Structures are given as structure tokens and as C-alpha cells.
Protein backbone atom coordinates (compact mmCIF):
# COMPACT_ATOMS: atom_id res chain seq x y z
CA UNK A 1 88.73 87.34 99.73
CA UNK A 2 89.00 87.28 103.48
CA UNK A 3 87.37 84.67 105.65
CA UNK A 4 83.72 85.44 106.33
CA UNK A 5 82.23 85.42 109.79
CA UNK A 6 79.06 83.39 109.58
CA UNK A 7 75.53 83.98 110.71
CA UNK A 8 73.92 80.97 112.33
CA UNK A 9 71.78 78.86 110.02
CA UNK A 10 68.66 79.98 111.90
CA UNK A 11 69.53 83.67 111.61
CA UNK A 12 70.34 83.38 107.91
CA UNK A 13 67.10 81.53 107.19
CA UNK A 14 65.09 84.10 109.17
CA UNK A 15 66.69 87.07 107.41
CA UNK A 16 66.22 85.55 103.95
CA UNK A 17 62.55 84.89 104.76
CA UNK A 18 62.25 88.52 105.85
CA UNK A 19 63.84 89.62 102.57
CA UNK A 20 61.30 87.64 100.53
CA UNK A 21 58.42 89.06 102.61
CA UNK A 22 59.82 92.57 102.13
CA UNK A 23 59.85 92.07 98.35
CA UNK A 24 56.28 90.80 98.03
CA UNK A 25 54.40 92.66 100.77
CA UNK A 26 53.82 95.78 98.67
CA UNK A 27 52.09 94.11 95.67
CA UNK A 28 50.18 91.73 97.94
CA UNK A 29 48.98 94.70 99.99
CA UNK A 30 47.90 96.45 96.79
CA UNK A 31 45.88 93.37 95.81
CA UNK A 32 44.11 93.42 99.18
CA UNK A 33 43.36 97.15 98.85
CA UNK A 34 42.00 96.68 95.34
CA UNK A 35 39.72 93.83 96.41
CA UNK A 36 38.40 95.91 99.30
CA UNK A 37 37.53 98.73 96.91
CA UNK A 38 35.76 96.35 94.55
CA UNK A 39 33.77 94.88 97.45
CA UNK A 40 32.72 98.30 98.80
CA UNK A 41 29.10 99.07 97.94
CA UNK A 42 29.92 102.78 97.75
CA UNK A 43 32.59 102.31 95.06
CA UNK A 44 31.36 103.45 91.64
CA UNK A 45 31.88 101.42 88.46
CA UNK A 46 34.77 103.53 87.21
CA UNK A 47 36.65 103.12 90.45
CA UNK A 48 35.93 99.37 90.42
CA UNK A 49 37.53 99.13 86.98
CA UNK A 50 40.57 101.00 88.27
CA UNK A 51 40.72 98.71 91.29
CA UNK A 52 40.52 95.63 89.08
CA UNK A 53 43.44 96.87 86.98
CA UNK A 54 45.40 97.47 90.18
CA UNK A 55 44.68 93.91 91.31
CA UNK A 56 45.77 92.46 87.96
CA UNK A 57 48.96 94.53 87.84
CA UNK A 58 49.87 93.80 91.43
CA UNK A 59 49.19 90.08 91.04
CA UNK A 60 51.53 90.02 88.03
CA UNK A 61 54.22 91.85 90.03
CA UNK A 62 53.85 89.56 93.05
CA UNK A 63 54.10 86.47 90.84
CA UNK A 64 57.25 87.78 89.14
CA UNK A 65 58.88 88.58 92.49
CA UNK A 66 58.02 85.18 93.97
CA UNK A 67 59.38 83.32 90.93
CA UNK A 68 62.58 85.35 91.15
CA UNK A 69 62.96 84.77 94.89
CA UNK A 70 62.32 81.05 94.46
CA UNK A 71 65.46 80.76 92.34
CA UNK A 72 67.59 83.49 93.94
CA UNK A 73 66.94 82.48 97.56
CA UNK A 74 65.02 79.20 97.56
CA UNK A 75 65.85 75.56 96.90
CA UNK A 76 64.40 75.60 93.38
CA UNK A 77 64.74 71.85 92.97
CA UNK A 78 66.72 69.16 94.72
CA UNK A 79 70.20 69.64 96.13
CA UNK A 80 72.82 69.73 93.42
CA UNK A 81 70.25 70.40 90.69
CA UNK A 82 71.01 72.32 87.49
CA UNK A 83 69.06 75.38 86.38
CA UNK A 84 68.57 76.61 82.82
CA UNK A 85 70.22 80.01 82.35
CA UNK A 86 67.59 80.90 79.76
CA UNK A 87 64.79 80.26 82.24
CA UNK A 88 66.63 82.35 84.82
CA UNK A 89 66.84 85.17 82.29
CA UNK A 90 63.10 85.07 81.64
CA UNK A 91 62.43 85.18 85.39
CA UNK A 92 64.86 88.09 85.76
CA UNK A 93 63.20 90.08 82.95
CA UNK A 94 59.76 89.63 84.52
CA UNK A 95 61.14 90.66 87.90
CA UNK A 96 62.86 93.80 86.61
CA UNK A 97 59.97 94.89 84.40
CA UNK A 98 60.28 97.72 81.90
CA UNK A 99 59.88 100.89 83.93
CA UNK A 100 62.87 102.26 85.87
CA UNK A 101 65.39 99.59 84.86
CA UNK A 102 66.13 98.16 81.41
CA UNK A 103 67.72 94.70 81.41
CA UNK A 104 70.02 93.16 78.80
CA UNK A 105 70.50 89.46 79.58
CA UNK A 106 73.44 88.02 77.67
CA UNK A 107 73.91 84.49 78.96
CA UNK A 108 73.93 81.23 77.04
CA UNK A 109 70.81 79.08 77.24
CA UNK A 110 72.37 76.14 79.04
CA UNK A 111 72.06 74.26 82.30
CA UNK A 112 74.41 75.49 85.01
CA UNK A 113 74.95 74.48 88.66
CA UNK A 114 72.17 75.86 90.82
CA UNK A 115 74.50 77.84 93.07
CA UNK A 116 76.01 79.69 90.09
CA UNK A 117 72.60 80.71 88.74
CA UNK A 118 71.50 81.83 92.20
CA UNK A 119 74.69 83.87 92.47
CA UNK A 120 74.06 85.57 89.13
CA UNK A 121 70.55 86.59 90.17
CA UNK A 122 71.88 87.93 93.46
CA UNK A 123 74.53 89.89 91.55
CA UNK A 124 71.68 91.38 89.53
CA UNK A 125 69.98 92.57 92.74
CA UNK A 126 73.23 94.16 93.93
CA UNK A 127 73.73 95.98 90.64
CA UNK A 128 70.15 97.30 90.62
CA UNK A 129 70.67 98.58 94.17
CA UNK A 130 73.48 100.74 92.79
CA UNK A 131 71.21 102.75 90.48
CA UNK A 132 68.43 104.16 92.70
CA UNK A 133 67.09 106.31 89.84
CA UNK A 134 67.08 103.46 87.35
CA UNK A 135 69.11 102.88 84.24
CA UNK A 136 70.53 100.10 82.10
CA UNK A 137 71.65 96.77 83.55
CA UNK A 138 73.69 94.30 81.51
CA UNK A 139 74.25 90.68 82.48
CA UNK A 140 77.08 88.79 80.83
CA UNK A 141 78.46 85.26 81.22
CA UNK A 142 81.72 83.99 79.75
CA UNK A 143 82.58 80.52 80.92
CA UNK A 144 82.55 80.67 84.72
CA UNK A 145 83.08 84.42 84.81
CA UNK A 146 79.98 86.53 85.52
CA UNK A 147 79.59 90.27 85.10
CA UNK A 148 76.60 92.49 85.88
CA UNK A 149 76.93 96.21 85.21
CA UNK A 150 74.42 98.92 86.05
CA UNK A 151 74.63 102.38 84.51
CA UNK A 152 72.44 105.22 85.63
CA UNK A 153 72.21 108.70 87.08
CA UNK A 154 73.75 109.04 90.56
CA UNK A 155 75.01 105.47 90.54
CA UNK A 156 76.67 104.55 93.82
CA UNK A 157 77.56 101.65 96.09
CA UNK A 158 75.78 101.73 99.43
CA UNK A 159 78.22 101.62 102.34
CA UNK A 160 76.20 99.01 104.22
CA UNK A 161 75.98 96.78 101.17
CA UNK A 162 79.73 97.07 100.60
CA UNK A 163 80.38 96.12 104.23
CA UNK A 164 78.12 93.08 104.04
CA UNK A 165 79.86 91.95 100.85
CA UNK A 166 83.40 92.47 102.14
CA UNK A 167 82.71 90.86 105.51
CA UNK A 168 83.59 94.02 107.44
CA UNK A 169 80.03 94.64 108.65
CA UNK A 170 79.09 93.50 112.14
CA UNK A 171 76.81 90.49 111.90
CA UNK A 172 74.19 92.01 114.28
CA UNK A 173 73.85 94.93 111.81
CA UNK A 174 72.65 92.68 109.00
CA UNK A 175 68.96 93.11 108.25
CA UNK A 176 66.59 91.85 105.57
CA UNK A 177 68.17 94.21 103.06
CA UNK A 178 71.84 93.66 103.87
CA UNK A 179 71.58 89.89 104.20
CA UNK A 180 71.33 89.69 100.41
CA UNK A 181 74.95 90.71 99.57
CA UNK A 182 76.12 88.57 102.51
CA UNK A 183 74.26 85.62 100.99
CA UNK A 184 75.70 86.39 97.55
CA UNK A 185 79.19 86.14 99.00
CA UNK A 186 78.38 82.74 100.50
CA UNK A 187 77.14 81.59 97.10
CA UNK A 188 80.35 82.83 95.47
CA UNK A 189 82.48 80.97 98.00
CA UNK A 190 80.47 77.78 97.43
CA UNK A 191 81.04 78.18 93.67
CA UNK A 192 84.77 78.89 94.15
CA UNK A 193 84.39 82.37 92.67
CA UNK A 194 85.67 85.74 93.85
CA UNK A 195 82.85 88.28 94.07
CA UNK A 196 83.53 92.02 93.84
CA UNK A 197 81.51 95.21 93.46
CA UNK A 198 83.11 98.49 92.38
CA UNK A 199 82.47 101.77 90.63
CA UNK A 200 83.84 101.90 87.10
CA UNK A 201 83.53 105.55 86.18
CA UNK A 202 81.09 108.03 87.66
CA UNK A 203 77.85 106.31 86.66
CA UNK A 204 78.65 102.59 86.31
CA UNK A 205 78.44 99.96 89.05
CA UNK A 206 80.10 96.65 88.20
CA UNK A 207 79.49 93.39 90.05
CA UNK A 208 81.87 90.66 88.95
CA UNK A 209 82.56 87.04 89.87
CA UNK A 210 85.63 85.23 88.54
CA UNK A 211 87.15 81.83 89.32
CA UNK A 212 89.53 81.97 92.28
CA UNK A 213 92.47 80.82 90.16
CA UNK A 214 91.93 83.72 87.76
CA UNK A 215 91.59 86.18 90.63
CA UNK A 216 94.85 84.91 92.17
CA UNK A 217 96.69 85.29 88.87
CA UNK A 218 95.41 88.85 88.26
């Protein structure tokens, strides 16, 4: 893994905040629209019921996204804290939902260093990005080796994402979307893991992180 040119702390913080806002703005906007409909005197009862269901559904989605972002991007406890892998799996399942993407979480229910759990959740985001039409995502943990695979129709690795992960992308080109794989790489370096993303077959995207000593021996 080549040395990574670094964003400034301020730029990284700003881009990660933008990423969180990007993730939650849609359901929060839907909540606002639903409340406006319910408050409109011209809205009939049937439409008010529909609006209420939209508010409930969107509130559930926003809550799931915020809980996920809190662990994946936020402090989620004090510095050096441990996070329960089982709890992370529950948060990931709520975040993914049961519509386009099906999630199989195969990780032991044990406390792991915070940076490793954050890395695994960021690997999940990268894998999901590789299957724009949805599909099956599997998360596996063996010791300190992590693997997230995503299988689906027209699976692919976005060129910008690959550049952000490899360090070849120009830093000014990083936006709220591309800062995520950049951040995942920083997490991998902090955990002394080598992070890779590659196609394995025509419809399978694999995101893997292995200890540096294992990567050097391979």
C-alpha cells in the first residue's frame, strides 16, 4: 500500500459531515413533506393516513442511517473504546434494510477495537456501492481479517472510488461521496491492515482487509 497524501483535518471533517448530511437529507426531507401534508387543511383523510405512514417510514430510515453514521464516521464513545461486533451488525442490518440489498452478517459477537469496527462498516458501504441494482452482501470476520463481498447484476467498481482508495485520486477531487473510501483507507492504516477492493468474477465485488504481515507474505 503506497503512502497516502492527506487531506487537512479541517477538510476531512467537513467532507465527512457532508457525507452524513447527504445520507440523511432525503428521509428528513420526506418527514417534512409528510408533516406539511398532514397540516394542510385541504388534505383529505386518506392522504393524511398516507402522509403519516411516510413520516413513520422516513423517521425509521433516518434513525437507522444516523445510528450507522455514528459508528462508521463518528466518535461512538471515548478514544480507544471497544465496540461490540454484534451491535454493529444490528446497526448495519437496520441501515441496509430489506429491499434492494440483502445482508448476511457473519461476525463473532465480541468487543473489537473501535477503528476496526468502523473500518468494517466502511467496507460494507464500499461493497454496496459496487452493486447499483442491489444484490447479496456478505460480511465475514476471521481473526483480524475482514471480507465483505457484494454480488449483483452489473456489479462494478466505480473509477473514482478506486482512485480514492488507492491514493491516486487528486485530493481536490474528493467530495462527500469519495471521501468515504479515502477515510476507509485511513482506518485500515490505523489498524495496520491492507485494504483492497477488486472484482472477483463478473458479478462479485470483494472488499478485503488483512494484516500487513499477511499481505507482505502473500
